[in-house]
Amino acid sequence: MLTVDFSRFPLAPGDRVLDLGCGAGRHAFECYRRGAQVVALDRNGEEIREVAKWFAAMKEAGEAPAGATATAMEGDALALPFPDDSFDVVIISEVMEHIPDDKGVLAEMVRVLRPGGRIAVTVPRYGPEKVCWTLSDAYHEVEGGHIRIYRADELLAKMREAGLRPYGTHHAHALHSPYWWLKCAFGVDNDKALPVRAYHKLLVWDIMKKPLATRLAERALNPVIGKSFVAYATKPHIPARGQA
């Protein structure tokens, strides 16, 4: 299940991509399939080892085209182990709401992104996320949990302040908002509640089968209750000294 829409965020074979806070690797895998040179970085060593195994399996199965590369590594988003201007593309999906120093993370992403490069940022959307916080303290009051809820204009302002130039936004995963509301209402760790189990089966069916009816429903509902807010931006070229 991808949050970044690659029809709005074009990726060319050979692009150097950083998937920052990659988690289970969903965006990194898609970039690898599209022929990119991917680095998937996360602070969670266990997840990184799993991502590395999947990269190896994808290579063996021939899922990635010739020239594509993939590396999984542990790292700190506030101290990225890369030189300036190392990447053509940076993706950070559902990560910034966890990090106290979000401005520091943005600064590091801008540093390693080449001038003219592209960045995709996704965070939980304010409205659906606010419902979750209202229904359940356990949803966010956990170690490593969500520490803030972004309004769209707030996130875009922070991106501009970091030196980025936003060029597009949208919402995603409307069908997932009710699932999390049910989880929060019946207990975040209570997967046995009938409404939660039933809705989870619906989501799995939708992800696996991609029926037209649910695709159209989600497209219609995304502007209203989309679970994620997605913003795309570029890093402007800096004129050489002496040029206007």
Protein backbone atom coordinates (compact mmCIF):
# COMPACT_ATOMS: atom_id res chain seq x y z
CA MET A 1 0.00 0.00 0.00
CA LEU A 2 1.75 3.14 -1.23
CA THR A 3 1.07 6.60 0.14
CA VAL A 4 3.25 8.45 -2.35
CA ASP A 5 1.57 8.72 -5.76
CA PHE A 6 4.30 8.13 -8.34
CA SER A 7 2.14 9.59 -11.11
CA ARG A 8 2.54 12.93 -9.28
CA PHE A 9 6.08 12.22 -8.13
CA PRO A 10 7.94 10.94 -11.20
CA LEU A 11 10.87 8.59 -10.71
CA ALA A 12 13.38 7.83 -13.45
CA PRO A 13 15.57 4.71 -13.71
CA GLY A 14 18.93 5.44 -12.11
CA ASP A 15 17.58 8.09 -9.72
CA ARG A 16 19.34 8.04 -6.37
CA VAL A 17 16.58 7.63 -3.78
CA LEU A 18 16.62 7.86 0.02
CA ASP A 19 13.63 6.32 1.79
CA LEU A 20 14.09 7.91 5.20
CA GLY A 21 12.43 6.08 8.08
CA CYS A 22 11.61 3.31 5.63
CA GLY A 23 9.89 1.04 8.16
CA ALA A 24 8.88 -2.18 6.42
CA GLY A 25 10.15 -0.78 3.11
CA ARG A 26 7.02 -0.34 0.99
CA HIS A 27 8.19 2.78 -0.86
CA ALA A 28 11.79 1.56 -1.11
CA PHE A 29 10.59 -1.64 -2.81
CA GLU A 30 8.53 0.31 -5.34
CA CYS A 31 11.46 2.59 -6.16
CA TYR A 32 13.69 -0.47 -6.62
CA ARG A 33 11.14 -2.00 -9.01
CA ARG A 34 11.21 1.25 -10.99
CA GLY A 35 14.97 1.00 -11.51
CA ALA A 36 16.23 3.45 -8.89
CA GLN A 37 19.40 3.28 -6.81
CA VAL A 38 17.73 3.00 -3.43
CA VAL A 39 18.94 3.51 0.12
CA ALA A 40 16.38 2.46 2.74
CA LEU A 41 17.32 3.90 6.14
CA ASP A 42 15.68 3.40 9.52
CA ARG A 43 16.74 3.45 13.16
CA ASN A 44 15.01 0.11 13.78
CA GLY A 45 17.62 -2.58 13.14
CA GLU A 46 15.11 -5.43 13.08
CA GLU A 47 13.07 -3.79 10.32
CA ILE A 48 16.21 -2.96 8.36
CA ARG A 49 17.30 -6.59 8.41
CA GLU A 50 13.89 -7.61 7.05
CA VAL A 51 14.07 -4.96 4.33
CA ALA A 52 17.53 -6.22 3.34
CA LYS A 53 16.15 -9.76 3.02
CA TRP A 54 13.33 -8.55 0.78
CA PHE A 55 15.76 -6.59 -1.41
CA ALA A 56 17.80 -9.77 -1.87
CA ALA A 57 14.67 -11.79 -2.66
CA MET A 58 13.51 -9.20 -5.20
CA LYS A 59 16.91 -9.26 -6.92
CA GLU A 60 16.87 -13.07 -7.06
CA ALA A 61 13.33 -13.06 -8.48
CA GLY A 62 14.26 -10.54 -11.15
CA GLU A 63 11.80 -7.94 -9.90
CA ALA A 64 14.25 -5.06 -10.31
CA PRO A 65 15.58 -3.98 -13.72
CA ALA A 66 19.25 -3.98 -14.68
CA GLY A 67 21.12 -1.08 -13.10
CA ALA A 68 18.84 -0.83 -10.08
CA THR A 69 20.53 -1.11 -6.68
CA ALA A 70 19.19 -1.37 -3.14
CA THR A 71 20.84 -0.94 0.24
CA ALA A 72 19.22 -1.17 3.68
CA MET A 73 20.99 0.48 6.59
CA GLU A 74 20.48 1.70 10.14
CA GLY A 75 20.85 5.41 10.69
CA ASP A 76 19.77 8.56 12.49
CA ALA A 77 17.48 10.92 10.59
CA LEU A 78 19.06 13.87 12.44
CA ALA A 79 22.60 12.92 11.39
CA LEU A 80 22.43 11.29 7.97
CA PRO A 81 25.68 9.54 7.00
CA PHE A 82 25.75 11.01 3.48
CA PRO A 83 27.52 13.96 1.82
CA ASP A 84 25.62 17.03 0.67
CA ASP A 85 23.62 16.65 -2.55
CA SER A 86 23.77 12.84 -2.49
CA PHE A 87 20.23 12.06 -3.68
CA ASP A 88 17.88 12.96 -6.51
CA VAL A 89 14.81 11.94 -4.50
CA VAL A 90 13.99 11.76 -0.79
CA ILE A 91 10.86 10.12 0.62
CA ILE A 92 9.81 10.39 4.26
CA SER A 93 6.45 8.71 4.88
CA GLU A 94 4.57 8.71 8.21
CA VAL A 95 7.74 9.57 10.16
CA MET A 96 7.86 13.26 11.04
CA GLU A 97 4.94 13.02 13.48
CA HIS A 98 7.19 10.79 15.65
CA ILE A 99 10.25 13.08 15.82
CA PRO A 100 10.55 15.99 18.29
CA ASP A 101 13.04 17.89 16.12
CA ASP A 102 11.10 17.85 12.85
CA LYS A 103 12.89 20.99 11.64
CA GLY A 104 16.21 19.22 12.15
CA VAL A 105 15.01 16.29 10.03
CA LEU A 106 13.86 18.61 7.26
CA ALA A 107 17.24 20.37 7.33
CA GLU A 108 19.07 17.05 6.95
CA MET A 109 16.83 15.97 4.07
CA VAL A 110 17.43 19.26 2.28
CA ARG A 111 21.18 18.93 2.85
CA VAL A 112 21.46 15.51 1.20
CA LEU A 113 19.02 16.35 -1.63
CA ARG A 114 20.67 17.76 -4.76
CA PRO A 115 19.49 21.13 -6.13
CA GLY A 116 16.57 20.41 -8.43
CA GLY A 117 15.82 17.18 -6.56
CA ARG A 118 12.38 16.15 -5.34
CA ILE A 119 11.02 15.28 -1.93
CA ALA A 120 7.79 13.61 -0.79
CA VAL A 121 6.55 14.04 2.78
CA THR A 122 3.53 12.20 4.17
CA VAL A 123 1.99 12.61 7.63
CA PRO A 124 -1.32 11.69 9.26
CA ARG A 125 -4.00 14.20 8.26
CA TYR A 126 -5.24 16.56 10.97
CA GLY A 127 -8.96 15.68 11.03
CA PRO A 128 -8.85 11.86 11.05
CA GLU A 129 -5.85 11.92 13.38
CA LYS A 130 -7.63 14.25 15.81
CA VAL A 131 -10.52 11.76 16.00
CA CYS A 132 -8.05 8.99 16.92
CA TRP A 133 -6.47 11.12 19.67
CA THR A 134 -9.91 11.98 21.03
CA LEU A 135 -11.05 8.36 21.13
CA SER A 136 -7.89 6.87 22.64
CA ASP A 137 -4.93 8.09 24.67
CA ALA A 138 -3.24 4.73 24.08
CA TYR A 139 -3.17 5.47 20.34
CA HIS A 140 -0.51 8.13 20.73
CA GLU A 141 0.75 8.03 24.33
CA VAL A 142 3.23 5.21 23.72
CA GLU A 143 7.00 5.16 23.39
CA GLY A 144 7.87 6.21 19.87
CA GLY A 145 4.26 7.21 19.16
CA HIS A 146 2.82 10.28 17.51
CA ILE A 147 3.81 13.46 19.34
CA ARG A 148 2.06 16.02 17.13
CA ILE A 149 -0.74 16.45 14.61
CA TYR A 150 0.11 18.56 11.57
CA ARG A 151 -2.20 20.97 9.90
CA ALA A 152 -1.48 21.08 6.16
CA ASP A 153 -0.49 24.74 6.14
CA GLU A 154 1.84 24.18 9.12
CA LEU A 155 3.72 21.38 7.37
CA LEU A 156 4.00 23.32 4.12
CA ALA A 157 5.29 26.36 6.01
CA LYS A 158 8.00 24.25 7.67
CA MET A 159 8.99 22.82 4.30
CA ARG A 160 9.31 26.31 2.81
CA GLU A 161 11.27 27.47 5.85
CA ALA A 162 13.70 24.59 5.24
CA GLY A 163 14.31 25.86 1.70
CA LEU A 164 11.93 23.61 -0.23
CA ARG A 165 9.40 24.69 -2.85
CA PRO A 166 6.13 22.71 -2.53
CA TYR A 167 4.40 22.00 -5.84
CA GLY A 168 1.54 19.65 -5.02
CA THR A 169 -0.52 17.99 -2.29
CA HIS A 170 -3.24 15.38 -1.93
CA HIS A 171 -4.83 13.03 0.61
CA ALA A 172 -4.67 9.23 0.67
CA HIS A 173 -6.12 6.12 2.33
CA ALA A 174 -9.64 7.29 3.15
CA LEU A 175 -10.78 3.70 3.69
CA HIS A 176 -8.22 3.32 6.46
CA SER A 177 -9.55 6.16 8.62
CA PRO A 178 -12.64 4.24 9.84
CA TYR A 179 -10.45 1.25 10.65
CA TRP A 180 -8.30 3.31 13.02
CA TRP A 181 -11.36 4.96 14.54
CA LEU A 182 -12.70 1.48 15.31
CA LYS A 183 -9.33 0.44 16.74
CA CYS A 184 -9.28 3.48 18.99
CA ALA A 185 -12.91 3.00 20.07
CA PHE A 186 -12.58 -0.72 20.93
CA GLY A 187 -8.98 -0.61 22.18
CA VAL A 188 -5.84 -0.12 20.13
CA ASP A 189 -4.52 -3.57 21.11
CA ASN A 190 -7.90 -5.29 20.87
CA ASP A 191 -7.81 -6.97 17.45
CA LYS A 192 -10.51 -9.46 18.46
CA ALA A 193 -13.39 -6.97 18.49
CA LEU A 194 -15.82 -8.04 15.76
CA PRO A 195 -16.09 -4.61 14.03
CA VAL A 196 -12.29 -4.33 13.94
CA ARG A 197 -11.82 -7.85 12.55
CA ALA A 198 -14.53 -7.37 9.96
CA TYR A 199 -13.18 -4.07 8.72
CA HIS A 200 -9.64 -5.44 8.64
CA LYS A 201 -10.83 -8.26 6.35
CA LEU A 202 -12.37 -5.64 4.08
CA LEU A 203 -9.08 -3.73 3.89
CA VAL A 204 -7.06 -6.85 3.15
CA TRP A 205 -9.52 -7.82 0.41
CA ASP A 206 -9.32 -4.31 -1.04
CA ILE A 207 -5.49 -4.28 -1.04
CA MET A 208 -5.25 -7.73 -2.62
CA LYS A 209 -8.06 -7.47 -5.19
CA LYS A 210 -8.20 -3.72 -5.90
CA PRO A 211 -11.85 -3.81 -7.00
CA LEU A 212 -13.10 -0.86 -9.01
CA ALA A 213 -15.90 -0.07 -6.53
CA THR A 214 -13.58 0.50 -3.57
CA ARG A 215 -11.01 2.33 -5.73
CA LEU A 216 -13.70 4.78 -6.82
CA ALA A 217 -15.05 5.09 -3.28
CA GLU A 218 -11.63 5.86 -1.86
CA ARG A 219 -10.90 8.40 -4.58
CA ALA A 220 -14.16 10.19 -3.75
CA LEU A 221 -13.57 10.04 0.01
CA ASN A 222 -9.87 10.99 0.07
CA PRO A 223 -10.52 14.76 0.03
CA VAL A 224 -12.92 14.32 2.98
CA ILE A 225 -11.44 11.68 5.31
CA GLY A 226 -8.12 10.67 3.70
CA LYS A 227 -5.91 9.29 6.51
CA SER A 228 -2.67 10.76 5.13
CA PHE A 229 -1.66 14.19 3.88
CA VAL A 230 0.98 14.07 1.14
CA ALA A 231 3.14 17.01 0.04
CA TYR A 232 5.62 17.15 -2.84
CA ALA A 233 8.39 19.72 -3.18
CA THR A 234 11.60 20.52 -5.01
CA LYS A 235 14.90 21.91 -3.77
CA PRO A 236 15.53 25.05 -5.84
CA HIS A 237 18.76 25.59 -7.73
CA ILE A 238 20.84 28.21 -5.94
CA PRO A 239 22.20 30.83 -8.40
CA ALA A 240 25.97 31.05 -8.55
CA ARG A 241 27.51 33.97 -6.65
CA GLY A 242 27.26 37.12 -8.79
CA GLN A 243 24.23 35.90 -10.74
CA ALA A 244 20.79 37.40 -10.15
